[in-house]
Amino acid sequence: MDLGKYEAIDWDDEEEQPDERLNNLLHCLRHGVDERVVAEVLSEEPVEIRLPTQMTEGAFVAPDRARSHMWTLLFDTSYKRGDWLRPVTGWTAKPAEIREWERVKRRRWKGWR
């Protein structure tokens, strides 16, 4: 997934769609992923990974700006506009996901595990 082709992040409005199953912002917030986390992950050396049950276009692992937390975030292209990136879900990166980031970056992540 080429992150450079996206011009904006597509977040649903909390009031427009109150059903968490359909609202990407509410779903992500439940997993501790907010707009700051998404912005930081996308700007802090994200590495695309493959997940066995991945049903989205892209999964990326990267630390937050403080390098205190490693995240795994899943994205799709927005159904609203083809140049918008739509966060789907995310979680604290698992050890195997962190190892993949380390393998690609050729260095160890020294943050919290």
N, C-alpha and C. Protein backbone atom coordinates (compact mmCIF):
# COMPACT_ATOMS: atom_id res chain seq x y z
N MET A 1 0.86 -1.17 0.00
CA MET A 1 0.00 0.00 0.00
C MET A 1 0.90 1.23 0.00
N ASP A 2 0.73 2.09 -0.96
CA ASP A 2 1.54 3.30 -1.09
C ASP A 2 0.91 4.43 -0.28
N LEU A 3 1.47 4.71 0.89
CA LEU A 3 0.91 5.74 1.76
C LEU A 3 1.05 7.14 1.17
N GLY A 4 1.99 7.32 0.26
CA GLY A 4 2.22 8.63 -0.34
C GLY A 4 1.09 9.12 -1.24
N LYS A 5 0.21 8.23 -1.66
CA LYS A 5 -0.87 8.63 -2.57
C LYS A 5 -2.08 9.21 -1.85
N TYR A 6 -2.06 9.20 -0.52
CA TYR A 6 -3.22 9.66 0.24
C TYR A 6 -3.02 11.09 0.71
N GLU A 7 -4.09 11.89 0.56
CA GLU A 7 -4.03 13.30 0.91
C GLU A 7 -4.63 13.62 2.27
N ALA A 8 -5.46 12.75 2.79
CA ALA A 8 -6.12 13.02 4.07
C ALA A 8 -6.49 11.71 4.74
N ILE A 9 -6.81 11.82 6.02
CA ILE A 9 -7.27 10.67 6.80
C ILE A 9 -8.78 10.77 6.91
N ASP A 10 -9.48 9.69 6.62
CA ASP A 10 -10.94 9.64 6.65
C ASP A 10 -11.42 9.09 7.99
N TRP A 11 -11.91 10.00 8.83
CA TRP A 11 -12.51 9.61 10.11
C TRP A 11 -14.00 9.87 10.04
N ASP A 12 -14.79 8.95 10.56
CA ASP A 12 -16.23 9.17 10.66
C ASP A 12 -16.51 10.15 11.78
N ASP A 13 -17.61 10.87 11.65
CA ASP A 13 -18.07 11.79 12.68
C ASP A 13 -18.81 10.99 13.75
N GLU A 14 -18.50 11.25 15.01
CA GLU A 14 -19.12 10.50 16.11
C GLU A 14 -20.64 10.64 16.11
N GLU A 15 -21.15 11.82 15.81
CA GLU A 15 -22.59 12.05 15.86
C GLU A 15 -23.32 11.46 14.65
N GLU A 16 -22.67 11.46 13.50
CA GLU A 16 -23.30 10.95 12.28
C GLU A 16 -23.58 9.46 12.35
N GLN A 17 -22.63 8.73 12.87
CA GLN A 17 -22.74 7.27 12.90
C GLN A 17 -22.36 6.78 14.29
N PRO A 18 -23.34 6.67 15.20
CA PRO A 18 -23.02 6.29 16.57
C PRO A 18 -22.73 4.79 16.77
N ASP A 19 -22.95 3.97 15.74
CA ASP A 19 -22.72 2.53 15.85
C ASP A 19 -21.22 2.25 15.67
N GLU A 20 -20.59 1.76 16.74
CA GLU A 20 -19.15 1.52 16.71
C GLU A 20 -18.73 0.53 15.63
N ARG A 21 -19.61 -0.38 15.26
CA ARG A 21 -19.26 -1.36 14.23
C ARG A 21 -19.12 -0.71 12.86
N LEU A 22 -19.74 0.45 12.68
CA LEU A 22 -19.69 1.14 11.39
C LEU A 22 -18.85 2.41 11.44
N ASN A 23 -18.56 2.91 12.62
CA ASN A 23 -17.84 4.17 12.78
C ASN A 23 -16.38 3.88 13.09
N ASN A 24 -15.49 4.23 12.16
CA ASN A 24 -14.08 3.89 12.35
C ASN A 24 -13.45 4.66 13.52
N LEU A 25 -13.86 5.90 13.76
CA LEU A 25 -13.30 6.65 14.88
C LEU A 25 -13.67 5.99 16.20
N LEU A 26 -14.93 5.67 16.39
CA LEU A 26 -15.36 5.05 17.65
C LEU A 26 -14.70 3.68 17.85
N HIS A 27 -14.59 2.91 16.78
CA HIS A 27 -13.95 1.60 16.87
C HIS A 27 -12.48 1.75 17.27
N CYS A 28 -11.77 2.65 16.59
CA CYS A 28 -10.35 2.84 16.90
C CYS A 28 -10.16 3.36 18.32
N LEU A 29 -11.01 4.30 18.75
CA LEU A 29 -10.89 4.83 20.11
C LEU A 29 -11.03 3.72 21.15
N ARG A 30 -11.89 2.76 20.89
CA ARG A 30 -12.07 1.64 21.82
C ARG A 30 -10.78 0.83 21.96
N HIS A 31 -9.93 0.88 20.94
CA HIS A 31 -8.66 0.15 20.96
C HIS A 31 -7.49 1.04 21.36
N GLY A 32 -7.79 2.27 21.81
CA GLY A 32 -6.73 3.19 22.23
C GLY A 32 -6.06 3.94 21.09
N VAL A 33 -6.63 3.84 19.89
CA VAL A 33 -6.07 4.50 18.71
C VAL A 33 -6.89 5.75 18.43
N ASP A 34 -6.22 6.90 18.51
CA ASP A 34 -6.90 8.16 18.20
C ASP A 34 -6.19 8.83 17.03
N GLU A 35 -6.63 10.06 16.72
CA GLU A 35 -6.04 10.77 15.57
C GLU A 35 -4.55 11.02 15.76
N ARG A 36 -4.12 11.27 16.99
CA ARG A 36 -2.70 11.50 17.27
C ARG A 36 -1.89 10.24 16.98
N VAL A 37 -2.36 9.09 17.45
CA VAL A 37 -1.65 7.83 17.22
C VAL A 37 -1.50 7.57 15.73
N VAL A 38 -2.58 7.74 14.98
CA VAL A 38 -2.52 7.51 13.53
C VAL A 38 -1.51 8.44 12.88
N ALA A 39 -1.57 9.73 13.21
CA ALA A 39 -0.64 10.70 12.62
C ALA A 39 0.80 10.36 12.96
N GLU A 40 1.05 9.99 14.21
CA GLU A 40 2.42 9.67 14.62
C GLU A 40 2.92 8.39 13.96
N VAL A 41 2.11 7.37 13.91
CA VAL A 41 2.53 6.12 13.27
C VAL A 41 2.87 6.35 11.80
N LEU A 42 2.04 7.13 11.13
CA LEU A 42 2.29 7.38 9.70
C LEU A 42 3.54 8.23 9.47
N SER A 43 3.96 9.00 10.47
CA SER A 43 5.14 9.86 10.29
C SER A 43 6.41 9.28 10.92
N GLU A 44 6.31 8.17 11.65
CA GLU A 44 7.46 7.62 12.37
C GLU A 44 7.92 6.27 11.82
N GLU A 45 8.32 6.25 10.59
CA GLU A 45 8.92 5.07 9.97
C GLU A 45 8.03 3.83 9.96
N PRO A 46 6.82 3.95 9.40
CA PRO A 46 5.95 2.77 9.36
C PRO A 46 6.50 1.69 8.43
N VAL A 47 6.28 0.47 8.84
CA VAL A 47 6.69 -0.70 8.05
C VAL A 47 5.42 -1.49 7.73
N GLU A 48 5.20 -1.78 6.46
CA GLU A 48 4.04 -2.58 6.09
C GLU A 48 4.32 -4.04 6.40
N ILE A 49 3.33 -4.70 7.00
CA ILE A 49 3.45 -6.11 7.35
C ILE A 49 2.25 -6.86 6.79
N ARG A 50 2.40 -8.16 6.71
CA ARG A 50 1.30 -9.05 6.31
C ARG A 50 0.80 -9.76 7.56
N LEU A 51 -0.49 -9.78 7.72
CA LEU A 51 -1.10 -10.50 8.83
C LEU A 51 -1.91 -11.67 8.27
N PRO A 52 -1.93 -12.79 8.96
CA PRO A 52 -2.61 -13.98 8.43
C PRO A 52 -4.10 -13.77 8.16
N THR A 53 -4.77 -13.00 8.97
CA THR A 53 -6.21 -12.81 8.78
C THR A 53 -6.54 -11.41 8.26
N GLN A 54 -5.57 -10.77 7.67
CA GLN A 54 -5.75 -9.38 7.22
C GLN A 54 -6.82 -9.28 6.15
N MET A 55 -7.82 -8.46 6.42
CA MET A 55 -8.90 -8.24 5.46
C MET A 55 -8.95 -6.77 5.05
N THR A 56 -7.84 -6.07 5.23
CA THR A 56 -7.73 -4.67 4.85
C THR A 56 -6.64 -4.54 3.80
N GLU A 57 -6.51 -3.35 3.24
CA GLU A 57 -5.51 -3.15 2.20
C GLU A 57 -4.09 -3.10 2.74
N GLY A 58 -3.93 -2.57 3.96
CA GLY A 58 -2.58 -2.45 4.49
C GLY A 58 -2.54 -2.49 5.99
N ALA A 59 -1.48 -3.09 6.51
CA ALA A 59 -1.21 -3.12 7.95
C ALA A 59 0.19 -2.57 8.15
N PHE A 60 0.33 -1.65 9.10
CA PHE A 60 1.61 -0.99 9.33
C PHE A 60 1.96 -1.03 10.81
N VAL A 61 3.26 -1.18 11.07
CA VAL A 61 3.80 -1.16 12.42
C VAL A 61 4.76 0.01 12.51
N ALA A 62 4.65 0.77 13.60
CA ALA A 62 5.56 1.89 13.83
C ALA A 62 5.42 2.36 15.27
N PRO A 63 6.46 3.03 15.76
CA PRO A 63 6.37 3.59 17.11
C PRO A 63 5.62 4.92 17.10
N ASP A 64 5.22 5.36 18.28
CA ASP A 64 4.69 6.71 18.39
C ASP A 64 5.87 7.68 18.39
N ARG A 65 5.59 8.96 18.38
CA ARG A 65 6.65 9.96 18.28
C ARG A 65 7.61 9.90 19.46
N ALA A 66 7.10 9.62 20.66
CA ALA A 66 7.96 9.54 21.85
C ALA A 66 8.77 8.25 21.88
N ARG A 67 8.47 7.35 20.96
CA ARG A 67 9.12 6.03 20.90
C ARG A 67 8.92 5.25 22.20
N SER A 68 7.75 5.44 22.79
CA SER A 68 7.43 4.74 24.03
C SER A 68 6.43 3.62 23.81
N HIS A 69 5.88 3.56 22.61
CA HIS A 69 4.83 2.57 22.33
C HIS A 69 4.90 2.19 20.85
N MET A 70 4.80 0.91 20.56
CA MET A 70 4.78 0.44 19.18
C MET A 70 3.35 0.02 18.85
N TRP A 71 2.87 0.47 17.70
CA TRP A 71 1.48 0.23 17.28
C TRP A 71 1.43 -0.58 15.99
N THR A 72 0.35 -1.34 15.84
CA THR A 72 -0.02 -1.96 14.57
C THR A 72 -1.36 -1.35 14.17
N LEU A 73 -1.41 -0.76 12.99
CA LEU A 73 -2.64 -0.12 12.50
C LEU A 73 -3.01 -0.70 11.14
N LEU A 74 -4.31 -0.89 10.92
CA LEU A 74 -4.82 -1.39 9.66
C LEU A 74 -5.59 -0.29 8.94
N PHE A 75 -5.40 -0.24 7.62
CA PHE A 75 -5.99 0.81 6.81
C PHE A 75 -6.63 0.25 5.54
N ASP A 76 -7.59 1.01 5.04
CA ASP A 76 -8.17 0.81 3.72
C ASP A 76 -8.17 2.15 3.01
N THR A 77 -8.38 2.11 1.71
CA THR A 77 -8.67 3.32 0.97
C THR A 77 -10.11 3.68 1.30
N SER A 78 -10.38 4.95 1.52
CA SER A 78 -11.72 5.38 1.88
C SER A 78 -12.71 5.10 0.75
N TYR A 79 -13.91 4.71 1.12
CA TYR A 79 -14.98 4.53 0.14
C TYR A 79 -15.53 5.90 -0.29
N LYS A 80 -15.17 6.97 0.45
CA LYS A 80 -15.66 8.31 0.14
C LYS A 80 -14.84 8.98 -0.96
N ARG A 81 -13.52 8.79 -0.89
CA ARG A 81 -12.60 9.35 -1.89
C ARG A 81 -11.39 8.44 -1.99
N GLY A 82 -10.93 8.24 -3.19
CA GLY A 82 -9.81 7.34 -3.42
C GLY A 82 -8.47 7.86 -2.94
N ASP A 83 -8.38 9.15 -2.59
CA ASP A 83 -7.12 9.71 -2.10
C ASP A 83 -7.16 9.97 -0.59
N TRP A 84 -8.11 9.32 0.10
CA TRP A 84 -8.20 9.39 1.55
C TRP A 84 -7.86 8.02 2.13
N LEU A 85 -7.09 8.02 3.20
CA LEU A 85 -6.72 6.81 3.91
C LEU A 85 -7.67 6.62 5.09
N ARG A 86 -8.25 5.45 5.20
CA ARG A 86 -9.25 5.18 6.24
C ARG A 86 -8.70 4.22 7.29
N PRO A 87 -8.45 4.69 8.52
CA PRO A 87 -8.07 3.78 9.59
C PRO A 87 -9.21 2.80 9.87
N VAL A 88 -8.87 1.54 10.05
CA VAL A 88 -9.88 0.51 10.30
C VAL A 88 -9.83 0.06 11.76
N THR A 89 -8.64 -0.26 12.25
CA THR A 89 -8.47 -0.68 13.63
C THR A 89 -6.99 -0.63 13.97
N GLY A 90 -6.67 -0.92 15.21
CA GLY A 90 -5.28 -0.94 15.63
C GLY A 90 -5.14 -1.51 17.01
N TRP A 91 -3.89 -1.79 17.39
CA TRP A 91 -3.59 -2.36 18.70
C TRP A 91 -2.13 -2.17 19.02
N THR A 92 -1.78 -2.41 20.28
CA THR A 92 -0.38 -2.44 20.68
C THR A 92 0.28 -3.56 19.91
N ALA A 93 1.39 -3.25 19.25
CA ALA A 93 2.07 -4.24 18.41
C ALA A 93 2.49 -5.46 19.23
N LYS A 94 2.28 -6.60 18.62
CA LYS A 94 2.67 -7.88 19.23
C LYS A 94 4.16 -8.12 18.96
N PRO A 95 4.79 -8.98 19.75
CA PRO A 95 6.24 -9.22 19.57
C PRO A 95 6.63 -9.57 18.13
N ALA A 96 5.88 -10.40 17.45
CA ALA A 96 6.22 -10.77 16.07
C ALA A 96 6.14 -9.56 15.14
N GLU A 97 5.21 -8.67 15.40
CA GLU A 97 5.06 -7.46 14.58
C GLU A 97 6.22 -6.50 14.83
N ILE A 98 6.64 -6.40 16.09
CA ILE A 98 7.80 -5.57 16.43
C ILE A 98 9.06 -6.15 15.78
N ARG A 99 9.20 -7.48 15.81
CA ARG A 99 10.37 -8.11 15.17
C ARG A 99 10.41 -7.82 13.67
N GLU A 100 9.26 -7.78 13.04
CA GLU A 100 9.23 -7.47 11.60
C GLU A 100 9.67 -6.04 11.36
N TRP A 101 9.23 -5.10 12.20
CA TRP A 101 9.68 -3.71 12.09
C TRP A 101 11.20 -3.65 12.26
N GLU A 102 11.72 -4.37 13.27
CA GLU A 102 13.17 -4.40 13.53
C GLU A 102 13.92 -5.00 12.35
N ARG A 103 13.38 -6.06 11.77
CA ARG A 103 14.04 -6.71 10.62
C ARG A 103 14.14 -5.74 9.45
N VAL A 104 13.03 -5.07 9.13
CA VAL A 104 13.03 -4.15 7.99
C VAL A 104 13.92 -2.94 8.26
N LYS A 105 13.86 -2.40 9.46
CA LYS A 105 14.64 -1.20 9.81
C LYS A 105 16.09 -1.53 10.17
N ARG A 106 16.38 -2.81 10.38
CA ARG A 106 17.73 -3.27 10.70
C ARG A 106 18.27 -2.63 11.98
N ARG A 107 17.37 -2.51 12.94
CA ARG A 107 17.77 -2.03 14.26
C ARG A 107 16.73 -2.48 15.28
N ARG A 108 17.14 -2.46 16.54
CA ARG A 108 16.24 -2.88 17.61
C ARG A 108 15.44 -1.68 18.09
N TRP A 109 14.20 -1.98 18.44
CA TRP A 109 13.38 -0.95 19.06
C TRP A 109 13.61 -1.05 20.55
N LYS A 110 13.97 0.06 21.16
CA LYS A 110 14.37 0.04 22.57
C LYS A 110 13.23 0.47 23.50
N GLY A 111 12.06 0.66 22.95
CA GLY A 111 10.93 1.09 23.77
C GLY A 111 10.35 -0.05 24.58
N TRP A 112 9.24 0.23 25.19
CA TRP A 112 8.53 -0.73 26.04
C TRP A 112 8.08 -1.92 25.21
N ARG A 113 8.12 -3.12 25.77
CA ARG A 113 7.66 -4.33 25.08
C ARG A 113 6.54 -4.94 25.85
